[in-house]
Every structure is written in C-alpha cells, then in structure tokens.
PDB file of N, CA and C in Angstrom:
ATOM      1  N   UNK A   1     119.062 125.901 124.421  1.00  0.00           N
ATOM      2  CA  UNK A   1     118.988 124.461 124.193  1.00  0.00           C
ATOM      3  C   UNK A   1     117.656 124.060 123.559  1.00  0.00           C
ATOM      4  N   UNK A   2     117.707 123.049 122.731  1.00  0.00           N
ATOM      5  CA  UNK A   2     116.500 122.598 122.043  1.00  0.00           C
ATOM      6  C   UNK A   2     115.407 122.178 123.017  1.00  0.00           C
ATOM      7  N   UNK A   3     115.782 121.647 124.171  1.00  0.00           N
ATOM      8  CA  UNK A   3     114.784 121.176 125.131  1.00  0.00           C
ATOM      9  C   UNK A   3     113.923 122.308 125.670  1.00  0.00           C
ATOM     10  N   UNK A   4     114.375 123.535 125.585  1.00  0.00           N
ATOM     11  CA  UNK A   4     113.623 124.681 126.115  1.00  0.00           C
ATOM     12  C   UNK A   4     112.729 125.345 125.080  1.00  0.00           C
ATOM     13  N   UNK A   5     112.817 124.975 123.847  1.00  0.00           N
ATOM     14  CA  UNK A   5     112.170 125.715 122.762  1.00  0.00           C
ATOM     15  C   UNK A   5     110.648 125.786 122.852  1.00  0.00           C
ATOM     16  N   UNK A   6     110.032 124.914 123.638  1.00  0.00           N
ATOM     17  CA  UNK A   6     108.574 124.960 123.775  1.00  0.00           C
ATOM     18  C   UNK A   6     108.149 125.647 125.068  1.00  0.00           C
ATOM     19  N   UNK A   7     109.091 126.083 125.863  1.00  0.00           N
ATOM     20  CA  UNK A   7     108.788 126.727 127.140  1.00  0.00           C
ATOM     21  C   UNK A   7     108.597 128.227 126.971  1.00  0.00           C
ATOM     22  N   UNK A   8     107.671 128.769 127.757  1.00  0.00           N
ATOM     23  CA  UNK A   8     107.471 130.223 127.762  1.00  0.00           C
ATOM     24  C   UNK A   8     108.791 130.903 128.085  1.00  0.00           C
ATOM     25  N   UNK A   9     109.092 131.944 127.344  1.00  0.00           N
ATOM     26  CA  UNK A   9     110.349 132.658 127.516  1.00  0.00           C
ATOM     27  C   UNK A   9     111.419 132.213 126.537  1.00  0.00           C
ATOM     28  N   UNK A  10     111.158 131.118 125.818  1.00  0.00           N
ATOM     29  CA  UNK A  10     112.174 130.591 124.914  1.00  0.00           C
ATOM     30  C   UNK A  10     111.569 130.070 123.612  1.00  0.00           C
ATOM     31  N   UNK A  11     110.315 130.395 123.366  1.00  0.00           N
ATOM     32  CA  UNK A  11     109.679 129.889 122.145  1.00  0.00           C
ATOM     33  C   UNK A  11     110.289 130.558 120.914  1.00  0.00           C
ATOM     34  N   UNK A  12     110.093 129.930 119.784  1.00  0.00           N
ATOM     35  CA  UNK A  12     110.607 130.502 118.546  1.00  0.00           C
ATOM     36  C   UNK A  12     110.068 131.892 118.285  1.00  0.00           C
ATOM     37  N   UNK A  13     108.787 132.090 118.564  1.00  0.00           N
ATOM     38  CA  UNK A  13     108.181 133.402 118.345  1.00  0.00           C
ATOM     39  C   UNK A  13     108.810 134.459 119.253  1.00  0.00           C
ATOM     40  N   UNK A  14     108.998 134.128 120.518  1.00  0.00           N
ATOM     41  CA  UNK A  14     109.609 135.089 121.446  1.00  0.00           C
ATOM     42  C   UNK A  14     111.044 135.412 121.048  1.00  0.00           C
ATOM     43  N   UNK A  15     111.786 134.393 120.694  1.00  0.00           N
ATOM     44  CA  UNK A  15     113.179 134.606 120.293  1.00  0.00           C
ATOM     45  C   UNK A  15     113.261 135.445 119.018  1.00  0.00           C
ATOM     46  N   UNK A  16     112.355 135.209 118.083  1.00  0.00           N
ATOM     47  CA  UNK A  16     112.346 135.988 116.839  1.00  0.00           C
ATOM     48  C   UNK A  16     112.024 137.453 117.111  1.00  0.00           C
ATOM     49  N   UNK A  17     111.044 137.700 117.971  1.00  0.00           N
ATOM     50  CA  UNK A  17     110.678 139.094 118.290  1.00  0.00           C
ATOM     51  C   UNK A  17     111.826 139.798 119.004  1.00  0.00           C
ATOM     52  N   UNK A  18     112.481 139.100 119.923  1.00  0.00           N
ATOM     53  CA  UNK A  18     113.618 139.690 120.624  1.00  0.00           C
ATOM     54  C   UNK A  18     114.745 139.986 119.636  1.00  0.00           C
ATOM     55  N   UNK A  19     115.020 139.042 118.756  1.00  0.00           N
ATOM     56  CA  UNK A  19     116.056 139.254 117.733  1.00  0.00           C
ATOM     57  C   UNK A  19     115.724 140.449 116.855  1.00  0.00           C
ATOM     58  N   UNK A  20     114.451 140.632 116.555  1.00  0.00           N
ATOM     59  CA  UNK A  20     114.045 141.767 115.726  1.00  0.00           C
ATOM     60  C   UNK A  20     114.344 143.088 116.431  1.00  0.00           C
ATOM     61  N   UNK A  21     114.117 143.148 117.731  1.00  0.00           N
ATOM     62  CA  UNK A  21     114.463 144.364 118.480  1.00  0.00           C
ATOM     63  C   UNK A  21     115.953 144.673 118.347  1.00  0.00           C
ATOM     64  N   UNK A  22     116.786 143.643 118.494  1.00  0.00           N
ATOM     65  CA  UNK A  22     118.234 143.846 118.374  1.00  0.00           C
ATOM     66  C   UNK A  22     118.620 144.236 116.949  1.00  0.00           C
ATOM     67  N   UNK A  23     118.012 143.605 115.974  1.00  0.00           N
ATOM     68  CA  UNK A  23     118.288 143.935 114.569  1.00  0.00           C
ATOM     69  C   UNK A  23     117.892 145.371 114.237  1.00  0.00           C
ATOM     70  N   UNK A  24     116.919 145.899 114.951  1.00  0.00           N
ATOM     71  CA  UNK A  24     116.471 147.274 114.730  1.00  0.00           C
ATOM     72  C   UNK A  24     117.249 148.281 115.566  1.00  0.00           C
ATOM     73  N   UNK A  25     118.341 147.846 116.160  1.00  0.00           N
ATOM     74  CA  UNK A  25     119.242 148.777 116.813  1.00  0.00           C
ATOM     75  C   UNK A  25     119.185 148.848 118.322  1.00  0.00           C
ATOM     76  N   UNK A  26     118.202 148.198 118.944  1.00  0.00           N
ATOM     77  CA  UNK A  26     118.170 148.217 120.402  1.00  0.00           C
ATOM     78  C   UNK A  26     119.369 147.457 120.955  1.00  0.00           C
ATOM     79  N   UNK A  27     119.853 147.888 122.092  1.00  0.00           N
ATOM     80  CA  UNK A  27     121.069 147.340 122.690  1.00  0.00           C
ATOM     81  C   UNK A  27     120.701 146.521 123.915  1.00  0.00           C
ATOM     82  N   UNK A  28     121.140 145.267 123.940  1.00  0.00           N
ATOM     83  CA  UNK A  28     121.048 144.429 125.133  1.00  0.00           C
ATOM     84  C   UNK A  28     122.189 144.894 126.032  1.00  0.00           C
ATOM     85  N   UNK A  29     121.858 145.662 127.053  1.00  0.00           N
ATOM     86  CA  UNK A  29     122.892 146.352 127.827  1.00  0.00           C
ATOM     87  C   UNK A  29     123.831 145.398 128.551  1.00  0.00           C
ATOM     88  N   UNK A  30     123.336 144.279 129.035  1.00  0.00           N
ATOM     89  CA  UNK A  30     124.227 143.341 129.726  1.00  0.00           C
ATOM     90  C   UNK A  30     125.244 142.761 128.750  1.00  0.00           C
ATOM     91  N   UNK A  31     124.794 142.355 127.578  1.00  0.00           N
ATOM     92  CA  UNK A  31     125.725 141.808 126.578  1.00  0.00           C
ATOM     93  C   UNK A  31     126.659 142.883 126.019  1.00  0.00           C
ATOM     94  N   UNK A  32     126.243 144.115 126.043  1.00  0.00           N
ATOM     95  CA  UNK A  32     127.108 145.216 125.616  1.00  0.00           C
ATOM     96  C   UNK A  32     128.368 145.252 126.481  1.00  0.00           C
ATOM     97  N   UNK A  33     128.197 145.088 127.788  1.00  0.00           N
ATOM     98  CA  UNK A  33     129.337 145.125 128.707  1.00  0.00           C
ATOM     99  C   UNK A  33     130.009 143.771 128.890  1.00  0.00           C
ATOM    100  N   UNK A  34     129.259 142.701 128.761  1.00  0.00           N
ATOM    101  CA  UNK A  34     129.783 141.360 129.057  1.00  0.00           C
ATOM    102  C   UNK A  34     129.441 140.397 127.918  1.00  0.00           C
ATOM    103  N   UNK A  35     130.010 140.621 126.744  1.00  0.00           N
ATOM    104  CA  UNK A  35     129.598 139.838 125.569  1.00  0.00           C
ATOM    105  C   UNK A  35     129.913 138.347 125.656  1.00  0.00           C
ATOM    106  N   UNK A  36     130.909 137.969 126.424  1.00  0.00           N
ATOM    107  CA  UNK A  36     131.321 136.566 126.467  1.00  0.00           C
ATOM    108  C   UNK A  36     131.081 135.890 127.809  1.00  0.00           C
ATOM    109  N   UNK A  37     130.481 136.600 128.749  1.00  0.00           N
ATOM    110  CA  UNK A  37     130.277 136.040 130.082  1.00  0.00           C
ATOM    111  C   UNK A  37     129.226 134.937 130.042  1.00  0.00           C
ATOM    112  N   UNK A  38     129.586 133.785 130.562  1.00  0.00           N
ATOM    113  CA  UNK A  38     128.661 132.657 130.630  1.00  0.00           C
ATOM    114  C   UNK A  38     128.158 132.495 132.058  1.00  0.00           C
ATOM    115  N   UNK A  39     127.005 131.880 132.225  1.00  0.00           N
ATOM    116  CA  UNK A  39     126.469 131.593 133.549  1.00  0.00           C
ATOM    117  C   UNK A  39     125.859 132.782 134.254  1.00  0.00           C
ATOM    118  N   UNK A  40     125.549 133.837 133.526  1.00  0.00           N
ATOM    119  CA  UNK A  40     124.929 135.035 134.113  1.00  0.00           C
ATOM    120  C   UNK A  40     123.428 134.948 133.872  1.00  0.00           C
ATOM    121  N   UNK A  41     122.688 134.556 134.902  1.00  0.00           N
ATOM    122  CA  UNK A  41     121.258 134.323 134.762  1.00  0.00           C
ATOM    123  C   UNK A  41     120.469 135.222 135.697  1.00  0.00           C
ATOM    124  N   UNK A  42     119.207 135.429 135.353  1.00  0.00           N
ATOM    125  CA  UNK A  42     118.318 136.228 136.199  1.00  0.00           C
ATOM    126  C   UNK A  42     117.083 135.441 136.633  1.00  0.00           C
ATOM    127  N   UNK A  43     116.977 134.198 136.226  1.00  0.00           N
ATOM    128  CA  UNK A  43     115.848 133.347 136.606  1.00  0.00           C
ATOM    129  C   UNK A  43     116.316 131.913 136.777  1.00  0.00           C
ATOM    130  N   UNK A  44     115.786 131.261 137.812  1.00  0.00           N
ATOM    131  CA  UNK A  44     116.062 129.853 138.078  1.00  0.00           C
ATOM    132  C   UNK A  44     114.773 129.187 138.510  1.00  0.00           C
ATOM    133  N   UNK A  45     114.549 127.984 138.054  1.00  0.00           N
ATOM    134  CA  UNK A  45     113.398 127.209 138.502  1.00  0.00           C
ATOM    135  C   UNK A  45     113.542 126.921 139.992  1.00  0.00           C
ATOM    136  N   UNK A  46     112.415 126.819 140.661  1.00  0.00           N
ATOM    137  CA  UNK A  46     112.443 126.408 142.066  1.00  0.00           C
ATOM    138  C   UNK A  46     112.732 124.916 142.201  1.00  0.00           C
ATOM    139  N   UNK A  47     112.651 124.204 141.119  1.00  0.00           N
ATOM    140  CA  UNK A  47     112.833 122.751 141.145  1.00  0.00           C
ATOM    141  C   UNK A  47     114.299 122.375 140.947  1.00  0.00           C
ATOM    142  N   UNK A  48     114.640 121.222 141.454  1.00  0.00           N
ATOM    143  CA  UNK A  48     115.945 120.592 141.201  1.00  0.00           C
ATOM    144  C   UNK A  48     117.135 121.411 141.705  1.00  0.00           C
ATOM    145  N   UNK A  49     116.914 122.282 142.686  1.00  0.00           N
ATOM    146  CA  UNK A  49     117.999 123.119 143.226  1.00  0.00           C
ATOM    147  C   UNK A  49     118.703 123.904 142.116  1.00  0.00           C
ATOM    148  N   UNK A  50     117.927 124.388 141.182  1.00  0.00           N
ATOM    149  CA  UNK A  50     118.486 125.054 139.999  1.00  0.00           C
ATOM    150  C   UNK A  50     119.324 126.275 140.361  1.00  0.00           C
ATOM    151  N   UNK A  51     118.879 127.049 141.337  1.00  0.00           N
ATOM    152  CA  UNK A  51     119.645 128.259 141.670  1.00  0.00           C
ATOM    153  C   UNK A  51     120.991 127.894 142.284  1.00  0.00           C
ATOM    154  N   UNK A  52     120.990 126.920 143.178  1.00  0.00           N
ATOM    155  CA  UNK A  52     122.247 126.484 143.787  1.00  0.00           C
ATOM    156  C   UNK A  52     123.219 125.946 142.741  1.00  0.00           C
ATOM    157  N   UNK A  53     122.690 125.329 141.701  1.00  0.00           N
ATOM    158  CA  UNK A  53     123.515 124.778 140.613  1.00  0.00           C
ATOM    159  C   UNK A  53     123.781 125.803 139.517  1.00  0.00           C
ATOM    160  N   UNK A  54     123.176 126.977 139.645  1.00  0.00           N
ATOM    161  CA  UNK A  54     123.241 128.029 138.630  1.00  0.00           C
ATOM    162  C   UNK A  54     122.825 127.507 137.249  1.00  0.00           C
ATOM    163  N   UNK A  55     121.724 126.762 137.252  1.00  0.00           N
ATOM    164  CA  UNK A  55     121.132 126.276 136.005  1.00  0.00           C
ATOM    165  C   UNK A  55     119.914 127.151 135.733  1.00  0.00           C
ATOM    166  N   UNK A  56     120.134 128.276 135.074  1.00  0.00           N
ATOM    167  CA  UNK A  56     119.059 129.237 134.897  1.00  0.00           C
ATOM    168  C   UNK A  56     118.990 129.791 133.495  1.00  0.00           C
ATOM    169  N   UNK A  57     118.211 130.849 133.372  1.00  0.00           N
ATOM    170  CA  UNK A  57     118.045 131.572 132.119  1.00  0.00           C
ATOM    171  C   UNK A  57     118.243 133.049 132.400  1.00  0.00           C
ATOM    172  N   UNK A  58     118.725 133.769 131.430  1.00  0.00           N
ATOM    173  CA  UNK A  58     118.751 135.237 131.530  1.00  0.00           C
ATOM    174  C   UNK A  58     117.542 135.727 130.744  1.00  0.00           C
ATOM    175  N   UNK A  59     116.473 136.032 131.488  1.00  0.00           N
ATOM    176  CA  UNK A  59     115.228 136.435 130.823  1.00  0.00           C
ATOM    177  C   UNK A  59     114.749 137.812 131.264  1.00  0.00           C
ATOM    178  N   UNK A  60     115.558 138.512 132.020  1.00  0.00           N
ATOM    179  CA  UNK A  60     115.230 139.879 132.441  1.00  0.00           C
ATOM    180  C   UNK A  60     116.288 140.797 131.838  1.00  0.00           C
ATOM    181  N   UNK A  61     115.840 141.795 131.126  1.00  0.00           N
ATOM    182  CA  UNK A  61     116.742 142.614 130.318  1.00  0.00           C
ATOM    183  C   UNK A  61     116.472 144.101 130.486  1.00  0.00           C
ATOM    184  N   UNK A  62     117.498 144.879 130.196  1.00  0.00           N
ATOM    185  CA  UNK A  62     117.337 146.290 129.882  1.00  0.00           C
ATOM    186  C   UNK A  62     117.793 146.449 128.441  1.00  0.00           C
ATOM    187  N   UNK A  63     116.864 146.766 127.562  1.00  0.00           N
ATOM    188  CA  UNK A  63     117.194 147.121 126.187  1.00  0.00           C
ATOM    189  C   UNK A  63     117.061 148.627 126.078  1.00  0.00           C
ATOM    190  N   UNK A  64     118.020 149.257 125.411  1.00  0.00           N
ATOM    191  CA  UNK A  64     117.956 150.709 125.235  1.00  0.00           C
ATOM    192  C   UNK A  64     118.145 151.048 123.767  1.00  0.00           C
ATOM    193  N   UNK A  65     117.661 152.215 123.406  1.00  0.00           N
ATOM    194  CA  UNK A  65     117.849 152.698 122.041  1.00  0.00           C
ATOM    195  C   UNK A  65     119.284 153.192 121.884  1.00  0.00           C
ATOM    196  N   UNK A  66     119.769 153.272 120.658  1.00  0.00           N
ATOM    197  CA  UNK A  66     121.121 153.777 120.424  1.00  0.00           C
ATOM    198  C   UNK A  66     121.342 155.182 120.982  1.00  0.00           C
ATOM    199  N   UNK A  67     120.284 155.957 121.148  1.00  0.00           N
ATOM    200  CA  UNK A  67     120.416 157.317 121.684  1.00  0.00           C
ATOM    201  C   UNK A  67     120.978 157.317 123.105  1.00  0.00           C
ATOM    202  N   UNK A  68     120.848 156.209 123.821  1.00  0.00           N
ATOM    203  CA  UNK A  68     121.366 156.126 125.195  1.00  0.00           C
ATOM    204  C   UNK A  68     122.739 155.462 125.283  1.00  0.00           C
ATOM    205  N   UNK A  69     123.273 155.001 124.182  1.00  0.00           N
ATOM    206  CA  UNK A  69     124.526 154.239 124.203  1.00  0.00           C
ATOM    207  C   UNK A  69     125.655 154.979 124.917  1.00  0.00           C
ATOM    208  N   UNK A  70     125.816 156.263 124.665  1.00  0.00           N
ATOM    209  CA  UNK A  70     126.910 157.018 125.280  1.00  0.00           C
ATOM    210  C   UNK A  70     126.723 157.226 126.778  1.00  0.00           C
ATOM    211  N   UNK A  71     125.532 156.976 127.276  1.00  0.00           N
ATOM    212  CA  UNK A  71     125.267 157.143 128.705  1.00  0.00           C
ATOM    213  C   UNK A  71     125.402 155.839 129.484  1.00  0.00           C
ATOM    214  N   UNK A  72     125.613 154.737 128.802  1.00  0.00           N
ATOM    215  CA  UNK A  72     125.723 153.450 129.485  1.00  0.00           C
ATOM    216  C   UNK A  72     126.996 153.392 130.317  1.00  0.00           C
ATOM    217  N   UNK A  73     126.837 153.011 131.565  1.00  0.00           N
ATOM    218  CA  UNK A  73     127.990 152.863 132.460  1.00  0.00           C
ATOM    219  C   UNK A  73     128.179 151.416 132.911  1.00  0.00           C
ATOM    220  N   UNK A  74     127.096 150.710 133.213  1.00  0.00           N
ATOM    221  CA  UNK A  74     127.199 149.302 133.593  1.00  0.00           C
ATOM    222  C   UNK A  74     125.812 148.673 133.595  1.00  0.00           C
ATOM    223  N   UNK A  75     125.798 147.370 133.450  1.00  0.00           N
ATOM    224  CA  UNK A  75     124.575 146.576 133.561  1.00  0.00           C
ATOM    225  C   UNK A  75     124.864 145.470 134.564  1.00  0.00           C
ATOM    226  N   UNK A  76     123.909 145.222 135.435  1.00  0.00           N
ATOM    227  CA  UNK A  76     124.151 144.334 136.563  1.00  0.00           C
ATOM    228  C   UNK A  76     123.072 143.272 136.686  1.00  0.00           C
ATOM    229  N   UNK A  77     123.474 142.129 137.204  1.00  0.00           N
ATOM    230  CA  UNK A  77     122.543 141.086 137.618  1.00  0.00           C
ATOM    231  C   UNK A  77     122.836 140.832 139.089  1.00  0.00           C
ATOM    232  N   UNK A  78     121.838 141.067 139.931  1.00  0.00           N
ATOM    233  CA  UNK A  78     122.004 140.921 141.379  1.00  0.00           C
ATOM    234  C   UNK A  78     121.642 139.498 141.789  1.00  0.00           C
ATOM    235  N   UNK A  79     122.516 138.550 141.437  1.00  0.00           N
ATOM    236  CA  UNK A  79     122.214 137.132 141.633  1.00  0.00           C
ATOM    237  C   UNK A  79     122.108 136.724 143.092  1.00  0.00           C
ATOM    238  N   UNK A  80     122.637 137.518 144.004  1.00  0.00           N
ATOM    239  CA  UNK A  80     122.586 137.175 145.420  1.00  0.00           C
ATOM    240  C   UNK A  80     121.356 137.733 146.122  1.00  0.00           C
ATOM    241  N   UNK A  81     120.447 138.356 145.389  1.00  0.00           N
ATOM    242  CA  UNK A  81     119.198 138.855 145.965  1.00  0.00           C
ATOM    243  C   UNK A  81     118.134 137.781 145.759  1.00  0.00           C
ATOM    244  N   UNK A  82     117.596 137.304 146.872  1.00  0.00           N
ATOM    245  CA  UNK A  82     116.587 136.245 146.837  1.00  0.00           C
ATOM    246  C   UNK A  82     115.207 136.829 147.103  1.00  0.00           C
ATOM    247  N   UNK A  83     114.188 135.984 147.093  1.00  0.00           N
ATOM    248  CA  UNK A  83     112.827 136.411 147.352  1.00  0.00           C
ATOM    249  C   UNK A  83     111.892 136.054 146.217  1.00  0.00           C
ATOM    250  N   UNK A  84     112.455 135.585 145.125  1.00  0.00           N
ATOM    251  CA  UNK A  84     111.683 135.233 143.941  1.00  0.00           C
ATOM    252  C   UNK A  84     112.502 134.236 143.137  1.00  0.00           C
ATOM    253  N   UNK A  85     111.879 133.666 142.120  1.00  0.00           N
ATOM    254  CA  UNK A  85     112.642 132.833 141.198  1.00  0.00           C
ATOM    255  C   UNK A  85     113.445 133.691 140.221  1.00  0.00           C
ATOM    256  N   UNK A  86     113.204 134.993 140.240  1.00  0.00           N
ATOM    257  CA  UNK A  86     113.994 135.963 139.476  1.00  0.00           C
ATOM    258  C   UNK A  86     114.877 136.735 140.448  1.00  0.00           C
ATOM    259  N   UNK A  87     115.950 137.299 139.946  1.00  0.00           N
ATOM    260  CA  UNK A  87     116.713 138.266 140.733  1.00  0.00           C
ATOM    261  C   UNK A  87     116.636 139.608 140.003  1.00  0.00           C
ATOM    262  N   UNK A  88     116.869 140.690 140.726  1.00  0.00           N
ATOM    263  CA  UNK A  88     116.819 142.001 140.071  1.00  0.00           C
ATOM    264  C   UNK A  88     117.959 142.177 139.070  1.00  0.00           C
ATOM    265  N   UNK A  89     117.698 142.976 138.068  1.00  0.00           N
ATOM    266  CA  UNK A  89     118.737 143.425 137.151  1.00  0.00           C
ATOM    267  C   UNK A  89     118.805 144.941 137.264  1.00  0.00           C
ATOM    268  N   UNK A  90     119.969 145.487 136.994  1.00  0.00           N
ATOM    269  CA  UNK A  90     120.138 146.926 137.128  1.00  0.00           C
ATOM    270  C   UNK A  90     120.867 147.521 135.944  1.00  0.00           C
ATOM    271  N   UNK A  91     120.678 148.798 135.779  1.00  0.00           N
ATOM    272  CA  UNK A  91     121.333 149.537 134.706  1.00  0.00           C
ATOM    273  C   UNK A  91     121.819 150.856 135.276  1.00  0.00           C
ATOM    274  N   UNK A  92     123.085 151.153 135.066  1.00  0.00           N
ATOM    275  CA  UNK A  92     123.657 152.418 135.521  1.00  0.00           C
ATOM    276  C   UNK A  92     123.924 153.283 134.301  1.00  0.00           C
ATOM    277  N   UNK A  93     123.364 154.486 134.344  1.00  0.00           N
ATOM    278  CA  UNK A  93     123.549 155.466 133.269  1.00  0.00           C
ATOM    279  C   UNK A  93     124.344 156.650 133.789  1.00  0.00           C
ATOM    280  N   UNK A  94     125.197 157.194 132.949  1.00  0.00           N
ATOM    281  CA  UNK A  94     125.918 158.421 133.282  1.00  0.00           C
ATOM    282  C   UNK A  94     124.961 159.598 133.206  1.00  0.00           C
ATOM    283  N   UNK A  95     125.233 160.619 134.010  1.00  0.00           N
ATOM    284  CA  UNK A  95     124.412 161.843 133.969  1.00  0.00           C
ATOM    285  C   UNK A  95     124.588 162.570 132.664  1.00  0.00           C
TER     286      UNK A  95
END
C-alpha cells in the first residue's frame, strides 16, 4: 500500500533491492509454494490489535539460490508462535 512506502521494510529502495534478488534468480520460498495465498504475514505492529486483526506484513523470508530448488519441500510461517512482533518462519529441505 502507498501509505507504507516511507516505512522501514517497505521503502522504494528496499523493494527495489529485493526485486533485484528475485530478478537474479533467487527464489522466495514461501511464494514458491503459496503463490496466491493472502493474509500470510510474519510481522504485526503492537498497536491497534494488529495481530488479532491479522493486519501485518510478510517481512521475514527464506530466499534460496536455484541450486536448492529441487530440495525445497515446504516453507512455513508459524503465526501462532508469540513472544515478539515477528513470528518464526521455517524452511523444510529434502535430504
């Protein structure tokens, strides 16, 4: 959203650098498995009951090189783990 463009984690420079990683072949593992899933976030503000409303951002990632693509098994967001304004993210690789 345009309202976030000046916030850390969503600036034009950050978004451009992240896009460059993807353009250079790195794989956003969560989007690889769940390309159309909406409402999957890893960070929520402590304000305005954002977590309870699931008004968050997905700002924690596992990016991998194409060399690991065949080993990808799943990417996870542990939204029910509390203790921070972030929740853990996980990546499962095949042996």
